[in-house]
């Protein structure tokens, strides 16, 4: 699974940006870009 797909899936599960950052090991700005 690509990182952006994982980020979208985690967002749909209701995870916060901080939680997503920790799981995928990316910066906040990168996570925000994909959301």
PDB file of N, CA and C in Angstrom:
ATOM      1  N   UNK A   1       0.849  -1.191   0.000  1.00  0.00           N
ATOM      2  CA  UNK A   1       0.000   0.000   0.000  1.00  0.00           C
ATOM      3  C   UNK A   1       0.888   1.245   0.000  1.00  0.00           C
ATOM      4  N   UNK A   2       0.520   2.201  -0.825  1.00  0.00           N
ATOM      5  CA  UNK A   2       1.274   3.451  -0.875  1.00  0.00           C
ATOM      6  C   UNK A   2       0.996   4.284   0.370  1.00  0.00           C
ATOM      7  N   UNK A   3       1.950   5.168   0.709  1.00  0.00           N
ATOM      8  CA  UNK A   3       1.798   6.003   1.906  1.00  0.00           C
ATOM      9  C   UNK A   3       0.521   6.834   1.852  1.00  0.00           C
ATOM     10  N   UNK A   4       0.221   7.435   0.671  1.00  0.00           N
ATOM     11  CA  UNK A   4      -0.964   8.300   0.601  1.00  0.00           C
ATOM     12  C   UNK A   4      -2.236   7.494   0.809  1.00  0.00           C
ATOM     13  N   UNK A   5      -2.250   6.229   0.361  1.00  0.00           N
ATOM     14  CA  UNK A   5      -3.429   5.383   0.570  1.00  0.00           C
ATOM     15  C   UNK A   5      -3.586   5.067   2.051  1.00  0.00           C
ATOM     16  N   UNK A   6      -2.463   4.790   2.707  1.00  0.00           N
ATOM     17  CA  UNK A   6      -2.498   4.485   4.139  1.00  0.00           C
ATOM     18  C   UNK A   6      -2.985   5.702   4.927  1.00  0.00           C
ATOM     19  N   UNK A   7      -2.496   6.882   4.543  1.00  0.00           N
ATOM     20  CA  UNK A   7      -2.913   8.110   5.227  1.00  0.00           C
ATOM     21  C   UNK A   7      -4.414   8.327   5.065  1.00  0.00           C
ATOM     22  N   UNK A   8      -4.926   8.157   3.852  1.00  0.00           N
ATOM     23  CA  UNK A   8      -6.368   8.318   3.608  1.00  0.00           C
ATOM     24  C   UNK A   8      -7.174   7.313   4.420  1.00  0.00           C
ATOM     25  N   UNK A   9      -6.697   6.059   4.476  1.00  0.00           N
ATOM     26  CA  UNK A   9      -7.403   5.018   5.226  1.00  0.00           C
ATOM     27  C   UNK A   9      -7.431   5.357   6.713  1.00  0.00           C
ATOM     28  N   UNK A  10      -6.311   5.824   7.246  1.00  0.00           N
ATOM     29  CA  UNK A  10      -6.248   6.191   8.663  1.00  0.00           C
ATOM     30  C   UNK A  10      -7.159   7.378   8.955  1.00  0.00           C
ATOM     31  N   UNK A  11      -7.222   8.323   8.025  1.00  0.00           N
ATOM     32  CA  UNK A  11      -8.095   9.486   8.201  1.00  0.00           C
ATOM     33  C   UNK A  11      -9.556   9.047   8.248  1.00  0.00           C
ATOM     34  N   UNK A  12      -9.917   8.110   7.374  1.00  0.00           N
ATOM     35  CA  UNK A  12     -11.297   7.605   7.360  1.00  0.00           C
ATOM     36  C   UNK A  12     -11.642   6.903   8.669  1.00  0.00           C
ATOM     37  N   UNK A  13     -10.630   6.327   9.325  1.00  0.00           N
ATOM     38  CA  UNK A  13     -10.858   5.659  10.610  1.00  0.00           C
ATOM     39  C   UNK A  13     -10.971   6.657  11.758  1.00  0.00           C
ATOM     40  N   UNK A  14     -10.753   7.936  11.461  1.00  0.00           N
ATOM     41  CA  UNK A  14     -10.908   8.972  12.480  1.00  0.00           C
ATOM     42  C   UNK A  14      -9.641   9.293  13.247  1.00  0.00           C
ATOM     43  N   UNK A  15      -8.488   8.895  12.720  1.00  0.00           N
ATOM     44  CA  UNK A  15      -7.219   9.180  13.398  1.00  0.00           C
ATOM     45  C   UNK A  15      -6.873  10.659  13.252  1.00  0.00           C
ATOM     46  N   UNK A  16      -6.195  11.200  14.259  1.00  0.00           N
ATOM     47  CA  UNK A  16      -5.752  12.596  14.187  1.00  0.00           C
ATOM     48  C   UNK A  16      -4.464  12.679  13.364  1.00  0.00           C
ATOM     49  N   UNK A  17      -4.107  13.891  12.982  1.00  0.00           N
ATOM     50  CA  UNK A  17      -2.878  14.082  12.202  1.00  0.00           C
ATOM     51  C   UNK A  17      -1.670  13.591  13.000  1.00  0.00           C
ATOM     52  N   UNK A  18      -1.650  13.859  14.306  1.00  0.00           N
ATOM     53  CA  UNK A  18      -0.526  13.409  15.141  1.00  0.00           C
ATOM     54  C   UNK A  18      -0.402  11.890  15.136  1.00  0.00           C
ATOM     55  N   UNK A  19      -1.533  11.207  15.243  1.00  0.00           N
ATOM     56  CA  UNK A  19      -1.513   9.740  15.223  1.00  0.00           C
ATOM     57  C   UNK A  19      -1.033   9.223  13.872  1.00  0.00           C
ATOM     58  N   UNK A  20      -1.518   9.839  12.800  1.00  0.00           N
ATOM     59  CA  UNK A  20      -1.107   9.425  11.452  1.00  0.00           C
ATOM     60  C   UNK A  20       0.393   9.663  11.274  1.00  0.00           C
ATOM     61  N   UNK A  21       0.899  10.806  11.747  1.00  0.00           N
ATOM     62  CA  UNK A  21       2.331  11.100  11.654  1.00  0.00           C
ATOM     63  C   UNK A  21       3.152   9.998  12.304  1.00  0.00           C
ATOM     64  N   UNK A  22       2.719   9.573  13.479  1.00  0.00           N
ATOM     65  CA  UNK A  22       3.439   8.543  14.228  1.00  0.00           C
ATOM     66  C   UNK A  22       3.414   7.208  13.491  1.00  0.00           C
ATOM     67  N   UNK A  23       2.277   6.856  12.908  1.00  0.00           N
ATOM     68  CA  UNK A  23       2.119   5.560  12.244  1.00  0.00           C
ATOM     69  C   UNK A  23       2.930   5.484  10.952  1.00  0.00           C
ATOM     70  N   UNK A  24       2.842   6.523  10.117  1.00  0.00           N
ATOM     71  CA  UNK A  24       3.514   6.465   8.806  1.00  0.00           C
ATOM     72  C   UNK A  24       4.909   7.086   8.821  1.00  0.00           C
ATOM     73  N   UNK A  25       5.288   7.679   9.968  1.00  0.00           N
ATOM     74  CA  UNK A  25       6.622   8.264  10.133  1.00  0.00           C
ATOM     75  C   UNK A  25       6.925   9.341   9.088  1.00  0.00           C
ATOM     76  N   UNK A  26       5.961  10.253   8.919  1.00  0.00           N
ATOM     77  CA  UNK A  26       6.146  11.396   8.025  1.00  0.00           C
ATOM     78  C   UNK A  26       5.892  12.679   8.810  1.00  0.00           C
ATOM     79  N   UNK A  27       6.357  13.796   8.278  1.00  0.00           N
ATOM     80  CA  UNK A  27       6.154  15.079   8.945  1.00  0.00           C
ATOM     81  C   UNK A  27       4.693  15.515   8.844  1.00  0.00           C
ATOM     82  N   UNK A  28       4.330  16.447   9.700  1.00  0.00           N
ATOM     83  CA  UNK A  28       2.963  16.968   9.721  1.00  0.00           C
ATOM     84  C   UNK A  28       2.583  17.587   8.376  1.00  0.00           C
ATOM     85  N   UNK A  29       3.508  18.348   7.785  1.00  0.00           N
ATOM     86  CA  UNK A  29       3.208  18.996   6.504  1.00  0.00           C
ATOM     87  C   UNK A  29       2.964  17.974   5.405  1.00  0.00           C
ATOM     88  N   UNK A  30       3.735  16.895   5.402  1.00  0.00           N
ATOM     89  CA  UNK A  30       3.557  15.852   4.389  1.00  0.00           C
ATOM     90  C   UNK A  30       2.203  15.175   4.563  1.00  0.00           C
ATOM     91  N   UNK A  31       1.842  14.870   5.796  1.00  0.00           N
ATOM     92  CA  UNK A  31       0.546  14.240   6.069  1.00  0.00           C
ATOM     93  C   UNK A  31      -0.578  15.174   5.626  1.00  0.00           C
ATOM     94  N   UNK A  32      -0.459  16.453   5.954  1.00  0.00           N
ATOM     95  CA  UNK A  32      -1.483  17.435   5.558  1.00  0.00           C
ATOM     96  C   UNK A  32      -1.623  17.521   4.048  1.00  0.00           C
ATOM     97  N   UNK A  33      -0.497  17.425   3.342  1.00  0.00           N
ATOM     98  CA  UNK A  33      -0.522  17.505   1.877  1.00  0.00           C
ATOM     99  C   UNK A  33      -1.357  16.358   1.305  1.00  0.00           C
ATOM    100  N   UNK A  34      -1.219  15.171   1.877  1.00  0.00           N
ATOM    101  CA  UNK A  34      -1.950  14.011   1.369  1.00  0.00           C
ATOM    102  C   UNK A  34      -3.422  14.036   1.760  1.00  0.00           C
ATOM    103  N   UNK A  35      -3.728  14.684   2.882  1.00  0.00           N
ATOM    104  CA  UNK A  35      -5.125  14.780   3.315  1.00  0.00           C
ATOM    105  C   UNK A  35      -5.776  15.876   2.513  1.00  0.00           C
TER     106      UNK A  35
END
